[in-house]
Amino acid sequence: MLSISYTILACIFSMILMIVYFARDRINYVENKFYSFIVVVTFISCLIEIISFCLVQMGISSTSHIYITTLKLLFLGFLTWLYLFSLYTVTTGQKLRGVLKKNKFPIKNLSLAFSVVALIIMFLPIEIKEINGLLLPVGTSINLIYILASACIVVMIVSMILSRAYLKNKKYIPIYLLIILFAVVLIVQKVFPEFFLVNTAFVIITFSMYFTIENPDMKMVEELIENRKIIERSSEEKSVFLFKVSQGLREPVNNIDKQINKYRQGIKKKEEMDILIDDIDRNNQKINYLINDVLGVTSFDSRNIKKIENTYNIYSLLEDIKIRAKSYVKDNIEYNFTVVTNMPKELYGDAIKLKQVLMSILINALANTEHGFVNVDVNAITKFDICRMVIVIEDSGKGIDMKTINDILSQDAKMDDTEYLKMEKIDVDLKLAYKIIKLLGGTMYIKSDIGTGTKVIITLDQYIVMNEELKQESNVDSYIKARNNAKKVLIVNENEEEIRRMKSILEKQGYDIYVSMFGQDCINRIKNKEKYDIILIDDDMSLMSGFSVLEELTKLKNRSKKVIMLDNKKMFISKHYIKDGFDAVVDKEKIQTELIRTLNKI
Protein backbone atom coordinates (compact mmCIF):
# COMPACT_ATOMS: atom_id res chain seq x y z
CA MET A 1 0.00 0.00 0.00
CA LEU A 2 2.88 2.36 0.81
CA SER A 3 4.40 1.68 -2.62
CA ILE A 4 1.27 2.80 -4.49
CA SER A 5 1.13 5.93 -2.31
CA TYR A 6 4.49 6.98 -3.75
CA THR A 7 3.18 6.28 -7.25
CA ILE A 8 0.05 8.39 -6.66
CA LEU A 9 2.18 11.29 -5.43
CA ALA A 10 4.51 10.82 -8.40
CA CYS A 11 1.49 10.84 -10.76
CA ILE A 12 0.18 14.10 -9.30
CA PHE A 13 3.62 15.69 -9.45
CA SER A 14 4.09 14.46 -13.03
CA MET A 15 0.73 15.94 -14.05
CA ILE A 16 1.68 19.33 -12.56
CA LEU A 17 5.04 19.21 -14.35
CA MET A 18 3.31 18.38 -17.64
CA ILE A 19 0.85 21.27 -17.27
CA VAL A 20 3.60 23.76 -16.39
CA TYR A 21 5.83 22.59 -19.27
CA PHE A 22 3.21 22.60 -22.03
CA ALA A 23 1.55 25.82 -20.87
CA ARG A 24 4.61 27.85 -21.88
CA ASP A 25 6.47 28.52 -25.10
CA ARG A 26 9.55 26.41 -25.74
CA ILE A 27 12.70 26.58 -27.84
CA ASN A 28 12.33 24.25 -30.83
CA TYR A 29 15.36 22.05 -30.10
CA VAL A 30 15.57 18.26 -30.56
CA GLU A 31 16.15 17.64 -26.85
CA ASN A 32 13.00 19.63 -26.02
CA LYS A 33 10.97 17.45 -28.39
CA PHE A 34 12.23 14.32 -26.62
CA TYR A 35 11.47 15.88 -23.26
CA SER A 36 7.90 16.63 -24.36
CA PHE A 37 7.35 12.90 -25.05
CA ILE A 38 9.16 11.87 -21.85
CA VAL A 39 6.91 14.09 -19.69
CA VAL A 40 3.77 12.58 -21.24
CA VAL A 41 5.03 8.98 -21.02
CA THR A 42 6.01 9.48 -17.36
CA PHE A 43 2.51 10.64 -16.46
CA ILE A 44 0.79 7.84 -18.45
CA SER A 45 3.07 5.21 -16.92
CA CYS A 46 2.18 6.37 -13.37
CA LEU A 47 -1.50 6.37 -14.29
CA ILE A 48 -1.35 2.79 -15.65
CA GLU A 49 0.38 1.56 -12.46
CA ILE A 50 -2.40 3.11 -10.35
CA ILE A 51 -5.03 1.47 -12.60
CA SER A 52 -3.35 -1.96 -12.26
CA PHE A 53 -3.33 -1.57 -8.45
CA CYS A 54 -7.02 -0.64 -8.50
CA LEU A 55 -7.81 -3.74 -10.58
CA VAL A 56 -6.14 -5.96 -7.94
CA GLN A 57 -8.03 -4.19 -5.14
CA MET A 58 -11.27 -4.76 -7.02
CA GLY A 59 -10.60 -8.49 -6.94
CA ILE A 60 -9.99 -8.92 -10.66
CA SER A 61 -8.03 -12.09 -11.35
CA SER A 62 -4.34 -11.77 -12.21
CA THR A 63 -4.96 -14.09 -15.15
CA SER A 64 -7.79 -12.01 -16.61
CA HIS A 65 -7.35 -10.40 -20.03
CA ILE A 66 -7.84 -6.84 -18.71
CA TYR A 67 -5.19 -7.26 -15.99
CA ILE A 68 -2.66 -8.87 -18.38
CA THR A 69 -3.20 -6.06 -20.92
CA THR A 70 -2.75 -3.41 -18.22
CA LEU A 71 0.45 -5.09 -17.05
CA LYS A 72 1.82 -5.19 -20.60
CA LEU A 73 1.04 -1.49 -21.02
CA LEU A 74 2.80 -0.74 -17.73
CA PHE A 75 6.01 -2.51 -18.75
CA LEU A 76 5.72 -1.03 -22.24
CA GLY A 77 5.55 2.41 -20.57
CA PHE A 78 8.83 1.66 -18.73
CA LEU A 79 10.43 0.56 -22.01
CA THR A 80 9.17 3.63 -23.89
CA TRP A 81 10.59 5.92 -21.21
CA LEU A 82 14.00 4.22 -21.44
CA TYR A 83 13.89 4.34 -25.25
CA LEU A 84 13.16 8.08 -25.30
CA PHE A 85 15.77 8.75 -22.62
CA SER A 86 18.41 6.81 -24.61
CA LEU A 87 17.59 8.94 -27.70
CA TYR A 88 17.94 12.06 -25.55
CA THR A 89 21.34 10.83 -24.34
CA VAL A 90 22.59 10.12 -27.87
CA THR A 91 21.45 13.43 -29.39
CA THR A 92 22.77 15.39 -26.40
CA GLY A 93 26.17 13.74 -26.86
CA GLN A 94 26.15 14.44 -30.61
CA LYS A 95 25.22 18.06 -30.02
CA LEU A 96 28.04 18.55 -27.51
CA ARG A 97 30.51 16.91 -29.91
CA GLY A 98 29.28 19.11 -32.77
CA VAL A 99 28.26 16.20 -35.02
CA LEU A 100 24.47 16.33 -34.73
CA LYS A 101 24.00 17.91 -38.16
CA LYS A 102 26.67 15.87 -39.91
CA ASN A 103 25.58 12.40 -38.73
CA LYS A 104 21.90 12.91 -38.11
CA PHE A 105 20.53 10.22 -35.82
CA PRO A 106 17.86 8.14 -37.67
CA ILE A 107 15.09 8.96 -35.17
CA LYS A 108 12.14 8.38 -37.53
CA ASN A 109 13.29 4.93 -38.63
CA LEU A 110 14.10 3.87 -35.06
CA SER A 111 10.74 5.12 -33.79
CA LEU A 112 8.93 3.22 -36.52
CA ALA A 113 10.83 0.05 -35.61
CA PHE A 114 10.08 0.62 -31.92
CA SER A 115 6.36 1.00 -32.66
CA VAL A 116 6.37 -2.32 -34.51
CA VAL A 117 8.15 -4.05 -31.60
CA ALA A 118 5.68 -2.49 -29.13
CA LEU A 119 2.81 -3.93 -31.15
CA ILE A 120 4.47 -7.37 -31.12
CA ILE A 121 4.95 -7.16 -27.33
CA MET A 122 1.20 -6.58 -26.90
CA PHE A 123 0.43 -9.84 -28.74
CA LEU A 124 3.15 -12.03 -27.17
CA PRO A 125 2.15 -14.23 -24.20
CA ILE A 126 2.67 -13.28 -20.55
CA GLU A 127 2.08 -15.23 -17.33
CA ILE A 128 1.77 -14.32 -13.67
CA LYS A 129 3.79 -16.60 -11.37
CA GLU A 130 4.30 -16.56 -7.62
CA ILE A 131 7.98 -16.06 -6.86
CA ASN A 132 9.08 -15.67 -3.22
CA GLY A 133 5.52 -14.87 -2.22
CA LEU A 134 5.07 -12.20 -4.91
CA LEU A 135 3.04 -12.36 -8.13
CA LEU A 136 5.49 -11.45 -10.91
CA PRO A 137 5.03 -11.34 -14.70
CA VAL A 138 7.08 -13.76 -16.84
CA GLY A 139 6.97 -14.93 -20.43
CA THR A 140 8.14 -14.05 -23.96
CA SER A 141 6.65 -10.55 -23.83
CA ILE A 142 8.48 -9.67 -20.60
CA ASN A 143 11.74 -11.23 -21.83
CA LEU A 144 11.63 -9.09 -24.98
CA ILE A 145 11.04 -5.98 -22.86
CA TYR A 146 14.07 -6.83 -20.69
CA ILE A 147 16.24 -7.35 -23.81
CA LEU A 148 15.20 -4.03 -25.35
CA ALA A 149 15.62 -2.20 -22.02
CA SER A 150 19.16 -3.62 -21.76
CA ALA A 151 19.85 -2.46 -25.34
CA CYS A 152 18.73 1.08 -24.42
CA ILE A 153 21.08 1.08 -21.42
CA VAL A 154 23.98 -0.14 -23.61
CA VAL A 155 23.27 2.66 -26.12
CA MET A 156 23.40 5.20 -23.28
CA ILE A 157 26.71 3.85 -22.01
CA VAL A 158 28.27 3.88 -25.52
CA SER A 159 27.05 7.44 -26.09
CA MET A 160 28.61 8.55 -22.79
CA ILE A 161 31.91 6.88 -23.71
CA LEU A 162 31.96 8.71 -27.06
CA SER A 163 31.19 11.98 -25.29
CA ARG A 164 33.49 11.41 -22.32
CA ALA A 165 35.17 14.78 -22.85
CA TYR A 166 31.88 16.50 -21.97
CA LEU A 167 30.69 14.40 -19.04
CA LYS A 168 30.92 17.42 -16.72
CA ASN A 169 28.23 19.19 -18.74
CA LYS A 170 25.00 19.83 -16.80
CA LYS A 171 22.97 18.00 -19.46
CA TYR A 172 24.37 14.70 -18.13
CA ILE A 173 22.95 15.27 -14.63
CA PRO A 174 19.72 13.31 -15.40
CA ILE A 175 21.82 10.36 -16.64
CA TYR A 176 23.85 10.27 -13.42
CA LEU A 177 20.59 10.52 -11.49
CA LEU A 178 19.24 7.56 -13.48
CA ILE A 179 22.23 5.43 -12.47
CA ILE A 180 21.95 6.40 -8.79
CA LEU A 181 18.16 6.00 -8.53
CA PHE A 182 18.08 2.67 -10.34
CA ALA A 183 20.73 1.35 -7.97
CA VAL A 184 18.57 2.57 -5.05
CA VAL A 185 15.43 1.01 -6.58
CA LEU A 186 17.17 -2.37 -7.02
CA ILE A 187 18.47 -2.35 -3.44
CA VAL A 188 15.05 -1.37 -2.03
CA GLN A 189 13.37 -4.01 -4.22
CA LYS A 190 15.78 -6.63 -2.90
CA VAL A 191 15.21 -5.74 0.76
CA PHE A 192 11.49 -4.92 0.45
CA PRO A 193 10.09 -6.86 -2.55
CA GLU A 194 6.66 -5.27 -2.17
CA PHE A 195 8.10 -1.81 -2.95
CA PHE A 196 7.83 -0.92 -6.66
CA LEU A 197 9.45 2.50 -7.15
CA VAL A 198 10.36 2.55 -10.84
CA ASN A 199 7.78 5.20 -11.78
CA THR A 200 8.76 7.33 -8.79
CA ALA A 201 12.38 7.25 -10.00
CA PHE A 202 11.26 8.19 -13.54
CA VAL A 203 9.36 11.22 -12.23
CA ILE A 204 12.37 12.46 -10.22
CA ILE A 205 14.65 12.11 -13.27
CA THR A 206 12.10 13.80 -15.55
CA PHE A 207 11.79 16.67 -13.10
CA SER A 208 15.59 17.13 -13.01
CA MET A 209 15.66 17.26 -16.82
CA TYR A 210 13.41 20.32 -16.74
CA PHE A 211 16.36 22.33 -15.40
CA THR A 212 18.98 20.93 -17.80
CA ILE A 213 17.18 21.34 -21.13
CA GLU A 214 16.84 24.76 -22.75
CA ASN A 215 14.63 26.88 -20.50
CA PRO A 216 11.02 26.56 -21.74
CA ASP A 217 9.91 29.88 -20.21
CA MET A 218 10.47 31.80 -23.43
CA LYS A 219 7.43 33.93 -24.09
CA MET A 220 8.02 36.63 -21.49
CA VAL A 221 11.62 37.22 -22.56
CA GLU A 222 11.54 36.63 -26.32
CA GLU A 223 11.50 40.35 -27.08
CA LEU A 224 14.33 40.99 -24.63
CA ILE A 225 16.52 38.44 -26.39
CA GLU A 226 15.65 39.85 -29.80
CA ASN A 227 16.46 43.38 -28.65
CA ARG A 228 19.74 42.19 -27.20
CA LYS A 229 20.62 40.62 -30.55
CA ILE A 230 19.74 43.86 -32.34
CA ILE A 231 22.04 45.80 -30.01
CA GLU A 232 24.86 43.28 -30.53
CA ARG A 233 24.42 43.26 -34.32
CA SER A 234 24.40 47.06 -34.33
CA SER A 235 27.75 47.12 -32.53
CA GLU A 236 29.24 44.46 -34.78
CA GLU A 237 27.96 46.05 -37.98
CA LYS A 238 29.32 49.42 -36.91
CA SER A 239 32.73 47.79 -36.39
CA VAL A 240 32.53 46.12 -39.82
CA PHE A 241 31.43 49.37 -41.47
CA LEU A 242 34.25 51.39 -39.89
CA PHE A 243 36.73 48.72 -40.98
CA LYS A 244 35.50 48.99 -44.58
CA VAL A 245 35.71 52.77 -44.54
CA SER A 246 39.22 52.65 -43.08
CA GLN A 247 40.19 50.30 -45.92
CA GLY A 248 38.63 52.78 -48.34
CA LEU A 249 40.70 55.62 -46.85
CA ARG A 250 43.90 53.62 -47.14
CA GLU A 251 43.73 53.51 -50.95
CA PRO A 252 43.66 57.30 -51.66
CA VAL A 253 46.23 57.96 -48.90
CA ASN A 254 48.62 55.40 -50.48
CA ASN A 255 47.97 56.92 -53.91
CA ILE A 256 48.85 60.39 -52.63
CA ASP A 257 52.07 58.99 -51.10
CA LYS A 258 53.02 57.48 -54.47
CA GLN A 259 52.25 60.73 -56.30
CA ILE A 260 54.32 62.76 -53.83
CA ASN A 261 57.23 60.34 -54.40
CA LYS A 262 56.87 60.87 -58.16
CA TYR A 263 57.04 64.62 -57.60
CA ARG A 264 60.16 64.27 -55.45
CA GLN A 265 61.81 62.19 -58.14
CA GLY A 266 61.54 65.21 -60.38
CA ILE A 267 58.73 65.90 -62.83
CA LYS A 268 59.62 68.65 -65.25
CA LYS A 269 56.95 68.52 -67.94
CA LYS A 270 53.84 70.63 -67.33
CA GLU A 271 51.54 67.89 -68.72
CA GLU A 272 52.89 65.35 -66.24
CA MET A 273 52.58 67.85 -63.42
CA ASP A 274 48.93 68.59 -64.34
CA ILE A 275 48.10 64.87 -64.36
CA LEU A 276 49.82 64.48 -60.99
CA ILE A 277 47.86 67.37 -59.45
CA ASP A 278 44.58 66.01 -60.86
CA ASP A 279 45.31 62.59 -59.34
CA ILE A 280 46.14 64.12 -55.97
CA ASP A 281 42.99 66.27 -56.12
CA ARG A 282 40.84 63.24 -57.01
CA ASN A 283 42.22 61.19 -54.12
CA ASN A 284 41.85 64.15 -51.80
CA GLN A 285 38.20 64.48 -52.84
CA LYS A 286 37.59 60.85 -51.92
CA ILE A 287 39.21 61.32 -48.50
CA ASN A 288 37.10 64.42 -47.87
CA TYR A 289 33.97 62.60 -49.00
CA LEU A 290 34.56 59.61 -46.71
CA ILE A 291 35.46 61.77 -43.72
CA ASN A 292 32.85 64.52 -44.11
CA ASP A 293 29.91 63.00 -45.98
CA VAL A 294 30.10 59.41 -44.76
CA LEU A 295 31.70 59.48 -41.30
CA GLY A 296 31.10 63.11 -40.40
CA VAL A 297 28.54 62.68 -37.62
CA THR A 298 29.09 66.34 -36.64
CA SER A 299 27.30 67.23 -39.87
CA PHE A 300 24.12 65.53 -38.61
CA ASP A 301 22.03 68.69 -38.51
CA SER A 302 18.25 68.31 -38.59
CA ARG A 303 17.93 71.81 -40.06
CA ASN A 304 19.60 70.61 -43.26
CA ILE A 305 17.31 67.60 -43.70
CA LYS A 306 14.20 67.98 -45.80
CA LYS A 307 11.40 66.79 -43.53
CA ILE A 308 8.90 64.74 -45.54
CA GLU A 309 5.90 63.53 -43.61
CA ASN A 310 5.60 60.32 -45.63
CA THR A 311 6.94 57.29 -43.77
CA TYR A 312 8.34 54.11 -45.31
CA ASN A 313 9.84 50.82 -44.22
CA ILE A 314 13.45 50.90 -45.39
CA TYR A 315 13.86 47.11 -45.17
CA SER A 316 10.79 46.49 -47.34
CA LEU A 317 12.02 49.05 -49.88
CA LEU A 318 15.48 47.48 -50.12
CA GLU A 319 14.05 43.94 -50.29
CA ASP A 320 11.83 45.00 -53.19
CA ILE A 321 14.81 46.51 -55.02
CA LYS A 322 16.85 43.36 -54.40
CA ILE A 323 14.14 41.09 -55.85
CA ARG A 324 13.33 43.34 -58.84
CA ALA A 325 17.01 43.67 -59.81
CA LYS A 326 17.44 39.87 -59.91
CA SER A 327 15.63 39.75 -63.27
CA TYR A 328 18.49 41.81 -64.78
CA VAL A 329 21.27 39.56 -63.46
CA LYS A 330 23.19 37.63 -66.14
CA ASP A 331 24.23 34.01 -65.61
CA ASN A 332 27.94 34.74 -65.17
CA ILE A 333 27.48 37.61 -62.67
CA GLU A 334 27.70 37.14 -58.91
CA TYR A 335 24.99 39.33 -57.37
CA ASN A 336 25.24 40.21 -53.65
CA PHE A 337 22.87 42.44 -51.71
CA THR A 338 23.80 43.06 -48.06
CA VAL A 339 21.75 45.16 -45.64
CA VAL A 340 22.73 45.85 -42.03
CA THR A 341 20.17 45.15 -39.33
CA ASN A 342 20.89 48.18 -37.14
CA MET A 343 18.75 50.64 -39.12
CA PRO A 344 15.41 51.80 -37.74
CA LYS A 345 12.62 50.17 -39.75
CA GLU A 346 10.51 53.29 -40.22
CA LEU A 347 11.95 56.49 -41.74
CA TYR A 348 10.52 59.76 -43.01
CA GLY A 349 11.34 60.46 -46.65
CA ASP A 350 10.54 60.15 -50.32
CA ALA A 351 10.62 56.39 -50.80
CA ILE A 352 9.55 56.59 -54.47
CA LYS A 353 12.45 58.80 -55.57
CA LEU A 354 14.97 56.89 -53.45
CA LYS A 355 13.79 53.60 -54.96
CA GLN A 356 13.98 55.10 -58.46
CA VAL A 357 17.58 56.24 -57.95
CA LEU A 358 18.80 52.95 -56.44
CA MET A 359 17.05 50.85 -59.10
CA SER A 360 18.51 53.05 -61.85
CA ILE A 361 22.10 52.79 -60.59
CA LEU A 362 21.75 49.06 -59.95
CA ILE A 363 20.22 48.34 -63.39
CA ASN A 364 22.98 50.42 -64.99
CA ALA A 365 25.64 48.42 -63.10
CA LEU A 366 24.09 45.09 -64.14
CA ALA A 367 23.70 46.19 -67.77
CA ASN A 368 27.35 47.26 -68.05
CA THR A 369 28.81 44.18 -66.34
CA GLU A 370 29.36 41.16 -68.60
CA HIS A 371 31.11 39.01 -66.01
CA GLY A 372 32.35 39.27 -62.44
CA PHE A 373 30.20 40.79 -59.71
CA VAL A 374 27.66 43.44 -58.72
CA ASN A 375 27.54 44.15 -54.98
CA VAL A 376 25.11 46.33 -53.03
CA ASP A 377 26.12 47.13 -49.45
CA VAL A 378 23.77 49.17 -47.23
CA ASN A 379 25.11 50.54 -43.93
CA ALA A 380 23.77 53.07 -41.47
CA ILE A 381 24.93 55.48 -38.77
CA THR A 382 22.34 56.79 -36.32
CA LYS A 383 22.53 59.83 -34.05
CA PHE A 384 19.57 60.95 -31.97
CA ASP A 385 16.58 61.08 -34.36
CA ILE A 386 18.58 60.92 -37.60
CA CYS A 387 19.71 57.91 -39.62
CA ARG A 388 22.47 58.32 -42.20
CA MET A 389 22.22 55.62 -44.84
CA VAL A 390 25.44 54.77 -46.68
CA ILE A 391 24.64 52.78 -49.82
CA VAL A 392 27.51 51.38 -51.88
CA ILE A 393 26.84 49.89 -55.33
CA GLU A 394 29.98 48.35 -56.85
CA ASP A 395 30.51 46.37 -60.05
CA SER A 396 33.34 44.87 -62.12
CA GLY A 397 31.93 46.16 -65.40
CA LYS A 398 33.01 48.44 -68.22
CA GLY A 399 33.69 51.46 -66.04
CA ILE A 400 33.21 55.18 -66.68
CA ASP A 401 35.84 57.59 -67.98
CA MET A 402 36.96 60.47 -65.79
CA LYS A 403 35.45 63.16 -68.04
CA THR A 404 31.97 61.62 -67.73
CA ILE A 405 32.35 61.29 -63.95
CA ASN A 406 33.37 64.93 -63.60
CA ASP A 407 30.44 65.92 -65.81
CA ILE A 408 27.99 64.00 -63.59
CA LEU A 409 29.37 65.27 -60.28
CA SER A 410 29.50 68.91 -61.44
CA GLN A 411 25.71 69.07 -61.98
CA ASP A 412 23.63 71.32 -59.79
CA ALA A 413 20.26 70.25 -58.41
CA LYS A 414 18.20 72.25 -60.92
CA MET A 415 16.24 70.24 -63.49
CA ASP A 416 15.00 71.21 -66.91
CA ASP A 417 11.69 70.12 -68.48
CA THR A 418 13.25 67.13 -70.24
CA GLU A 419 14.65 65.80 -66.97
CA TYR A 420 11.28 66.20 -65.24
CA LEU A 421 9.75 64.04 -67.98
CA LYS A 422 12.51 61.43 -67.52
CA MET A 423 11.63 61.20 -63.84
CA GLU A 424 8.36 59.55 -64.82
CA LYS A 425 10.32 56.49 -66.02
CA ILE A 426 11.31 53.55 -63.81
CA ASP A 427 15.03 54.13 -64.34
CA VAL A 428 16.98 57.33 -64.94
CA ASP A 429 20.55 58.04 -66.04
CA LEU A 430 23.39 58.76 -63.60
CA LYS A 431 23.18 62.53 -64.15
CA LEU A 432 19.54 62.63 -63.16
CA ALA A 433 20.12 60.17 -60.30
CA TYR A 434 22.78 62.52 -58.94
CA LYS A 435 20.38 65.48 -59.13
CA ILE A 436 17.59 63.57 -57.39
CA ILE A 437 19.93 62.56 -54.55
CA LYS A 438 20.95 66.22 -54.15
CA LEU A 439 17.28 67.27 -54.13
CA LEU A 440 16.64 64.68 -51.39
CA GLY A 441 19.46 66.27 -49.38
CA GLY A 442 21.98 63.47 -49.96
CA THR A 443 25.40 63.15 -51.56
CA MET A 444 26.76 60.86 -54.27
CA TYR A 445 30.34 59.89 -55.08
CA ILE A 446 31.54 57.93 -58.13
CA LYS A 447 34.88 56.14 -58.47
CA SER A 448 35.58 54.35 -61.73
CA ASP A 449 38.20 53.44 -64.29
CA ILE A 450 37.61 52.12 -67.78
CA GLY A 451 37.68 48.31 -67.77
CA THR A 452 37.92 47.89 -63.99
CA GLY A 453 34.40 48.65 -62.78
CA THR A 454 32.53 51.37 -60.93
CA LYS A 455 31.75 52.17 -57.29
CA VAL A 456 28.91 54.54 -56.43
CA ILE A 457 28.55 55.71 -52.81
CA ILE A 458 25.33 57.44 -51.76
CA THR A 459 24.73 59.02 -48.36
CA LEU A 460 21.29 60.19 -47.32
CA ASP A 461 20.12 61.49 -43.94
CA GLN A 462 16.54 60.67 -42.93
CA TYR A 463 14.45 61.36 -39.85
CA ILE A 464 13.67 58.29 -37.75
CA VAL A 465 10.08 57.39 -36.92
CA MET A 466 10.51 56.91 -33.19
CA ASN A 467 9.33 53.53 -31.90
CA GLU A 468 8.82 52.16 -28.40
CA GLU A 469 11.96 52.20 -26.28
CA LEU A 470 14.07 49.03 -26.12
CA LYS A 471 14.07 47.03 -22.90
CA GLN A 472 17.09 47.28 -20.61
CA GLU A 473 20.03 45.28 -21.92
CA SER A 474 21.08 44.24 -18.42
CA ASN A 475 17.84 42.27 -18.01
CA VAL A 476 18.64 40.34 -21.17
CA ASP A 477 22.18 39.62 -19.99
CA SER A 478 20.97 38.20 -16.71
CA TYR A 479 18.28 36.15 -18.40
CA ILE A 480 20.62 34.64 -20.96
CA LYS A 481 23.12 33.78 -18.25
CA ALA A 482 20.42 32.09 -16.19
CA ARG A 483 19.02 30.35 -19.26
CA ASN A 484 22.00 28.34 -20.39
CA ASN A 485 25.23 29.95 -19.19
CA ALA A 486 26.09 30.68 -22.81
CA LYS A 487 29.80 31.23 -23.35
CA LYS A 488 30.71 34.60 -24.85
CA VAL A 489 32.92 34.22 -27.94
CA LEU A 490 34.67 37.12 -29.68
CA ILE A 491 35.60 36.35 -33.32
CA VAL A 492 38.54 38.45 -34.53
CA ASN A 493 38.72 38.10 -38.31
CA GLU A 494 38.68 40.48 -41.28
CA ASN A 495 37.15 37.93 -43.69
CA GLU A 496 33.36 38.47 -43.75
CA GLU A 497 32.62 35.08 -45.30
CA GLU A 498 34.58 33.23 -42.61
CA ILE A 499 32.86 35.30 -39.90
CA ARG A 500 29.42 34.36 -41.25
CA ARG A 501 30.35 30.66 -41.34
CA MET A 502 31.70 30.63 -37.79
CA LYS A 503 28.76 32.67 -36.42
CA SER A 504 26.30 30.27 -38.02
CA ILE A 505 28.06 27.22 -36.56
CA LEU A 506 28.52 28.66 -33.05
CA GLU A 507 25.10 30.29 -32.65
CA LYS A 508 23.39 26.97 -33.44
CA GLN A 509 25.30 25.49 -30.50
CA GLY A 510 24.12 28.22 -28.10
CA TYR A 511 27.29 30.37 -27.98
CA ASP A 512 26.93 34.14 -27.48
CA ILE A 513 28.81 35.61 -30.47
CA TYR A 514 30.56 38.98 -30.88
CA VAL A 515 32.60 40.13 -33.88
CA SER A 516 35.66 42.34 -34.39
CA MET A 517 37.21 42.82 -37.83
CA PHE A 518 40.68 43.91 -36.74
CA GLY A 519 43.05 43.17 -33.89
CA GLN A 520 43.28 46.66 -32.40
CA ASP A 521 39.51 46.75 -31.94
CA CYS A 522 39.77 43.51 -29.96
CA ILE A 523 42.48 45.04 -27.77
CA ASN A 524 40.38 48.17 -27.23
CA ARG A 525 37.39 46.07 -26.14
CA ILE A 526 39.50 44.29 -23.53
CA LYS A 527 40.89 47.63 -22.34
CA ASN A 528 37.28 48.82 -21.96
CA LYS A 529 36.71 45.92 -19.52
CA GLU A 530 34.64 43.82 -21.93
CA LYS A 531 34.81 40.15 -20.93
CA TYR A 532 34.73 37.07 -23.15
CA ASP A 533 35.08 33.39 -22.33
CA ILE A 534 36.82 32.64 -25.63
CA ILE A 535 38.59 34.86 -28.18
CA LEU A 536 38.78 33.20 -31.61
CA ILE A 537 41.59 34.88 -33.58
CA ASP A 538 42.45 34.54 -37.27
CA ASP A 539 46.21 34.34 -37.81
CA ASP A 540 46.23 35.93 -41.29
CA MET A 541 45.04 39.50 -40.77
CA SER A 542 46.56 42.33 -42.76
CA LEU A 543 46.76 44.96 -39.99
CA MET A 544 47.67 42.83 -36.97
CA SER A 545 48.63 39.15 -36.89
CA GLY A 546 47.07 36.66 -34.51
CA PHE A 547 50.31 36.41 -32.55
CA SER A 548 50.48 40.22 -32.18
CA VAL A 549 46.95 40.19 -30.77
CA LEU A 550 47.97 37.45 -28.32
CA GLU A 551 50.99 39.49 -27.15
CA GLU A 552 48.80 42.53 -26.42
CA LEU A 553 46.20 40.41 -24.63
CA THR A 554 48.95 38.84 -22.52
CA LYS A 555 50.20 42.30 -21.53
CA LEU A 556 46.66 43.17 -20.43
CA LYS A 557 46.58 39.95 -18.35
CA ASN A 558 43.43 38.88 -20.16
CA ARG A 559 42.10 35.54 -18.88
CA SER A 560 39.97 34.59 -21.87
CA LYS A 561 40.78 31.34 -23.64
CA LYS A 562 42.56 32.14 -26.90
CA VAL A 563 42.04 30.01 -30.00
CA ILE A 564 44.04 30.62 -33.18
CA MET A 565 42.61 29.91 -36.65
CA LEU A 566 45.29 28.60 -39.03
CA ASP A 567 45.45 27.74 -42.71
CA ASN A 568 46.00 24.06 -43.38
CA LYS A 569 49.56 24.71 -44.61
CA LYS A 570 50.50 26.08 -41.15
CA MET A 571 49.03 23.25 -39.13
CA PHE A 572 52.37 21.43 -38.99
CA ILE A 573 53.67 24.18 -36.65
CA SER A 574 50.49 24.29 -34.53
CA LYS A 575 52.44 23.07 -31.46
CA HIS A 576 54.50 26.28 -31.56
CA TYR A 577 51.31 28.36 -31.28
CA ILE A 578 50.26 26.37 -28.21
CA LYS A 579 53.74 26.84 -26.75
CA ASP A 580 53.52 30.60 -27.39
CA GLY A 581 50.32 30.89 -25.34
CA PHE A 582 47.28 29.91 -27.37
CA ASP A 583 44.91 27.46 -25.68
CA ALA A 584 43.90 25.68 -28.88
CA VAL A 585 44.37 25.63 -32.66
CA VAL A 586 41.67 25.14 -35.31
CA ASP A 587 42.28 24.26 -38.95
CA LYS A 588 40.26 26.72 -41.07
CA GLU A 589 39.61 24.02 -43.66
CA LYS A 590 37.95 21.84 -40.99
CA ILE A 591 35.84 24.48 -39.25
CA GLN A 592 32.63 22.50 -39.63
CA THR A 593 33.98 19.46 -37.77
CA GLU A 594 36.63 20.91 -35.45
CA LEU A 595 35.34 24.28 -34.23
CA ILE A 596 32.65 23.12 -31.77
CA ARG A 597 34.71 20.17 -30.55
CA THR A 598 37.70 22.43 -29.84
CA LEU A 599 35.71 25.16 -28.08
CA ASN A 600 33.83 22.65 -25.91
CA LYS A 601 37.10 21.17 -24.67
CA ILE A 602 38.74 24.37 -23.46
Foldseek 3Di string as FASTA:
>chain_A
DVQLVLLVVLLVLLVVVLCVLVVFAADPDPLVVLLNVLSVLLNVLSVLVNVLVVCVVVVPDCPDPVNVLSVLSNLLSLLVNLQSVLVSLQLVLCLLLLCCVVDPDPVVVVVVVSVVLSVVLSVFDWDWDQDPNDTDIDGPSVVVSVVSSVVSVVSNVVSCVSSVLQCVQLQCVLVVLLVVVVVVQVVCCVVPVVRHCSSSSSSVSSVSNCQRPFPRNQPVCVQLQVVLVLVQLLVQQVQLVVVVLVVVLVVLVVVLVVLVVVVVVPDDDPVVVVVSVVSNVLSVVSNCCSVCAPVNPVPPDPVLADFAPDKAFPVVLLVVLLVVLVVLADPQEAEEEEEGSNDFGMWTFDSQLVSLLVSQVSSVQSVQAPHYYWYWYWDWDDDDFKIKIKIKIKHQGQWDDPVVQVVLQVDELDDDPVLVVQVVDSYDDSSSSQSSLVVSSKHWHWDIDGRGIIMIIIIHMTGHDDDDDRDDSVVVVVVLCSRNVAFEEEEEAQDPVLVVVLCVSRVVSPHHYHYHDHLVVVLVCVVVVDAGQEYEYEQDDDPAGPLRSVVSCVVVVHPHAYEYEDEPVCVVCQVVVVVSPHPYYDHSVCCSSVVSNVVSND
